[in-house]
Amino acid sequence: MRIAIIDTSTTRAAIISDGLREAGLADLVVIDPAGPLVAQIEACAPHVVLINLENPSRDLLEDFFAMSRALARPIAMFVDQSDAEATMAAVDAGVSAYVVDGLAKQRIKPVLDLAVRRFQAFSRLQEELAQAKSALADRQTIDRAKAILMKRRGLDEPAAYALLRSHAMTSNRRIAEVADAIVTSDALMGNLP
């Protein structure tokens, strides 16, 4: 597991690196927080990003939260001080683990493991949501196509669906694709003079 470490203090970054190596994690990249963060992270392609901030300002937190929204990776953030607003902003930004006043060598690996698992669970939920939205959109398109066939051909609903299904099978396409073609065609024909 490659870990990108971002810390405003090079001394603390070295301590974190030592702690991770002691935990058996040797593929580490220390990122310069003064440079372009997203570009550096994309260049090293880490599996997880560890951010440690001693006393972050609102602006610095916002910069890191913007970065975390742009990355599709688990992020574990350690801060020495925080408030409810900063914590909520971290959660909204997609930070997988947000630990206040808790950076200790022995805790880093378990927190990173937690961040990876939470990120994977959240990613699965997002994928399931996208699939559900797609299925709903397909269902709505199929219903519209059935309504068009029922109106144009004088069919009942089961016959309209059977026609859609039959055409999908003979053309080796999904029913939703055939339905979309019918809806699009109807829209074009309805707009012609």
Protein backbone atom coordinates (compact mmCIF):
# COMPACT_ATOMS: atom_id res chain seq x y z
CA MET A 1 0.00 0.00 0.00
CA ARG A 2 1.56 3.29 -1.13
CA ILE A 3 0.92 6.12 1.32
CA ALA A 4 1.29 9.82 0.56
CA ILE A 5 2.17 11.83 3.65
CA ILE A 6 1.37 15.53 3.79
CA ASP A 7 2.57 17.47 6.80
CA THR A 8 3.45 21.12 7.23
CA SER A 9 6.39 20.02 9.42
CA THR A 10 9.15 17.93 7.87
CA THR A 11 10.15 16.72 11.35
CA ARG A 12 6.66 15.35 12.03
CA ALA A 13 6.53 13.87 8.53
CA ALA A 14 9.73 11.96 9.33
CA ILE A 15 8.24 10.70 12.62
CA ILE A 16 5.10 9.56 10.79
CA SER A 17 7.22 7.82 8.15
CA ASP A 18 9.19 6.02 10.89
CA GLY A 19 5.97 4.90 12.57
CA LEU A 20 4.58 3.57 9.31
CA ARG A 21 7.80 1.71 8.51
CA GLU A 22 7.72 0.15 12.00
CA ALA A 23 4.15 -1.00 11.21
CA GLY A 24 5.44 -2.72 8.07
CA LEU A 25 4.42 -0.05 5.56
CA ALA A 26 7.45 0.97 3.53
CA ASP A 27 5.99 2.40 0.29
CA LEU A 28 5.83 6.02 1.46
CA VAL A 29 5.96 9.33 -0.39
CA VAL A 30 6.29 12.61 1.50
CA ILE A 31 4.45 15.38 -0.34
CA ASP A 32 5.59 19.01 -0.13
CA PRO A 33 2.52 20.95 1.11
CA ALA A 34 3.94 24.14 -0.39
CA GLY A 35 3.75 22.68 -3.92
CA PRO A 36 0.77 21.78 -6.08
CA LEU A 37 -0.86 19.09 -3.92
CA VAL A 38 -3.18 17.41 -6.41
CA ALA A 39 -0.47 17.17 -9.08
CA GLN A 40 2.02 15.68 -6.61
CA ILE A 41 -0.51 13.17 -5.33
CA GLU A 42 -1.55 12.13 -8.82
CA ALA A 43 2.12 11.72 -9.77
CA CYS A 44 2.86 9.33 -6.88
CA ALA A 45 -0.50 7.47 -7.24
CA PRO A 46 -0.95 6.56 -3.57
CA HIS A 47 -3.54 4.11 -2.26
CA VAL A 48 -4.20 6.36 0.73
CA VAL A 49 -3.33 9.95 1.71
CA LEU A 50 -2.34 10.82 5.28
CA ILE A 51 -2.57 14.50 6.20
CA ASN A 52 -1.25 15.83 9.50
CA LEU A 53 -1.91 19.44 10.44
CA GLU A 54 -0.75 20.92 13.71
CA ASN A 55 -3.04 23.94 14.06
CA PRO A 56 -4.80 24.40 10.73
CA SER A 57 -6.36 27.70 9.75
CA ARG A 58 -9.76 27.81 8.07
CA ASP A 59 -8.12 28.63 4.73
CA LEU A 60 -5.67 25.73 5.00
CA LEU A 61 -8.47 23.33 5.94
CA GLU A 62 -10.54 24.55 2.98
CA ASP A 63 -7.58 23.96 0.64
CA PHE A 64 -7.16 20.40 1.93
CA PHE A 65 -10.91 19.74 1.77
CA ALA A 66 -11.02 20.98 -1.83
CA MET A 67 -8.12 18.64 -2.60
CA SER A 68 -9.87 15.68 -0.95
CA ARG A 69 -13.00 16.27 -3.05
CA ALA A 70 -10.83 16.19 -6.19
CA LEU A 71 -9.12 12.90 -5.29
CA ALA A 72 -10.74 9.51 -5.49
CA ARG A 73 -8.67 8.05 -2.66
CA PRO A 74 -9.11 7.41 1.04
CA ILE A 75 -7.84 10.28 3.15
CA ALA A 76 -6.92 10.15 6.82
CA MET A 77 -6.54 13.58 8.39
CA PHE A 78 -4.93 14.19 11.78
CA VAL A 79 -5.35 17.62 13.36
CA ASP A 80 -4.31 18.89 16.76
CA GLN A 81 -7.32 21.19 17.15
CA SER A 82 -10.76 21.25 15.60
CA ASP A 83 -14.32 22.38 16.09
CA ALA A 84 -17.71 21.02 15.03
CA GLU A 85 -17.75 23.11 11.85
CA ALA A 86 -14.34 21.84 10.71
CA THR A 87 -15.32 18.26 11.48
CA MET A 88 -18.52 18.56 9.42
CA ALA A 89 -16.58 20.18 6.58
CA ALA A 90 -14.13 17.25 6.63
CA VAL A 91 -16.96 14.71 6.44
CA ASP A 92 -18.65 16.67 3.62
CA ALA A 93 -15.33 16.81 1.75
CA GLY A 94 -15.03 13.04 1.82
CA VAL A 95 -12.25 12.67 4.39
CA SER A 96 -12.45 9.02 5.43
CA ALA A 97 -10.92 9.43 8.89
CA TYR A 98 -10.66 12.70 10.80
CA VAL A 99 -8.72 12.35 14.04
CA VAL A 100 -8.37 15.22 16.49
CA ASP A 101 -5.41 15.27 18.89
CA GLY A 102 -4.62 11.64 18.31
CA LEU A 103 -1.48 11.23 16.24
CA ALA A 104 0.56 8.50 17.87
CA LYS A 105 2.79 6.01 16.06
CA GLN A 106 0.78 2.98 17.17
CA ARG A 107 -2.52 4.54 16.05
CA ILE A 108 -1.51 5.51 12.51
CA LYS A 109 -1.87 2.10 10.84
CA PRO A 110 -5.28 1.27 12.40
CA VAL A 111 -6.59 4.69 11.40
CA LEU A 112 -5.29 4.23 7.85
CA ASP A 113 -6.93 0.80 7.69
CA LEU A 114 -10.19 2.36 8.88
CA ALA A 115 -9.91 5.14 6.30
CA VAL A 116 -9.44 2.61 3.49
CA ARG A 117 -12.41 0.50 4.65
CA ARG A 118 -14.69 3.53 5.05
CA PHE A 119 -13.65 4.81 1.63
CA GLN A 120 -14.38 1.42 0.05
CA ALA A 121 -17.78 1.22 1.77
CA PHE A 122 -18.65 4.75 0.67
CA SER A 123 -17.52 3.98 -2.89
CA ARG A 124 -19.75 0.89 -2.96
CA LEU A 125 -22.70 2.98 -1.79
CA GLN A 126 -22.02 5.58 -4.48
CA GLU A 127 -21.83 2.84 -7.13
CA GLU A 128 -25.10 1.29 -5.93
CA LEU A 129 -26.76 4.72 -5.98
CA ALA A 130 -25.54 5.34 -9.55
CA GLN A 131 -26.86 1.92 -10.62
CA ALA A 132 -30.23 2.60 -8.97
CA LYS A 133 -30.48 6.00 -10.69
CA SER A 134 -29.61 4.41 -14.02
CA ALA A 135 -32.20 1.65 -13.53
CA LEU A 136 -34.83 4.26 -12.64
CA ALA A 137 -33.98 6.32 -15.72
CA ASP A 138 -34.17 3.17 -17.87
CA ARG A 139 -37.54 2.29 -16.32
CA GLN A 140 -38.89 5.78 -17.06
CA THR A 141 -37.65 5.60 -20.67
CA ILE A 142 -39.23 2.17 -21.12
CA ASP A 143 -42.52 3.47 -19.71
CA ARG A 144 -42.45 6.44 -22.10
CA ALA A 145 -41.68 4.15 -25.05
CA LYS A 146 -44.54 1.83 -24.06
CA ALA A 147 -46.89 4.84 -23.90
CA ILE A 148 -45.79 5.92 -27.38
CA LEU A 149 -46.31 2.42 -28.81
CA MET A 150 -49.68 2.13 -27.09
CA LYS A 151 -50.81 5.46 -28.58
CA ARG A 152 -49.34 5.02 -32.08
CA ARG A 153 -50.13 1.32 -32.56
CA GLY A 154 -53.21 0.97 -30.39
CA LEU A 155 -51.58 -1.67 -28.17
CA ASP A 156 -52.20 -2.47 -24.54
CA GLU A 157 -49.30 -2.24 -22.09
CA PRO A 158 -48.27 -5.94 -22.12
CA ALA A 159 -48.28 -5.97 -25.95
CA ALA A 160 -46.22 -2.76 -26.08
CA TYR A 161 -43.66 -4.25 -23.68
CA ALA A 162 -43.59 -7.51 -25.64
CA LEU A 163 -42.89 -5.55 -28.83
CA LEU A 164 -40.04 -3.66 -27.12
CA ARG A 165 -38.62 -6.89 -25.77
CA SER A 166 -38.91 -8.70 -29.08
CA HIS A 167 -37.17 -5.89 -30.97
CA ALA A 168 -34.42 -5.72 -28.33
CA MET A 169 -33.79 -9.46 -28.67
CA THR A 170 -33.72 -9.46 -32.47
CA SER A 171 -31.44 -6.41 -32.60
CA ASN A 172 -29.23 -7.70 -29.76
CA ARG A 173 -29.72 -4.51 -27.73
CA ARG A 174 -30.98 -3.73 -24.27
CA ILE A 175 -34.68 -2.91 -23.92
CA ALA A 176 -33.73 0.51 -22.52
CA GLU A 177 -31.68 1.25 -25.67
CA VAL A 178 -34.62 0.35 -27.93
CA ALA A 179 -36.95 2.40 -25.73
CA ASP A 180 -34.58 5.38 -25.89
CA ALA A 181 -34.54 5.16 -29.70
CA ILE A 182 -38.36 5.18 -29.78
CA VAL A 183 -38.58 8.16 -27.40
CA THR A 184 -35.96 10.06 -29.41
CA SER A 185 -37.68 9.26 -32.70
CA ASP A 186 -41.03 10.34 -31.32
CA ALA A 187 -39.55 13.60 -30.09
CA LEU A 188 -38.04 14.27 -33.53
CA MET A 189 -41.25 13.38 -35.35
CA GLY A 190 -43.28 15.54 -33.00
CA ASN A 191 -41.06 18.55 -33.69
CA LEU A 192 -41.21 18.29 -37.47
CA PRO A 193 -43.68 20.51 -39.38
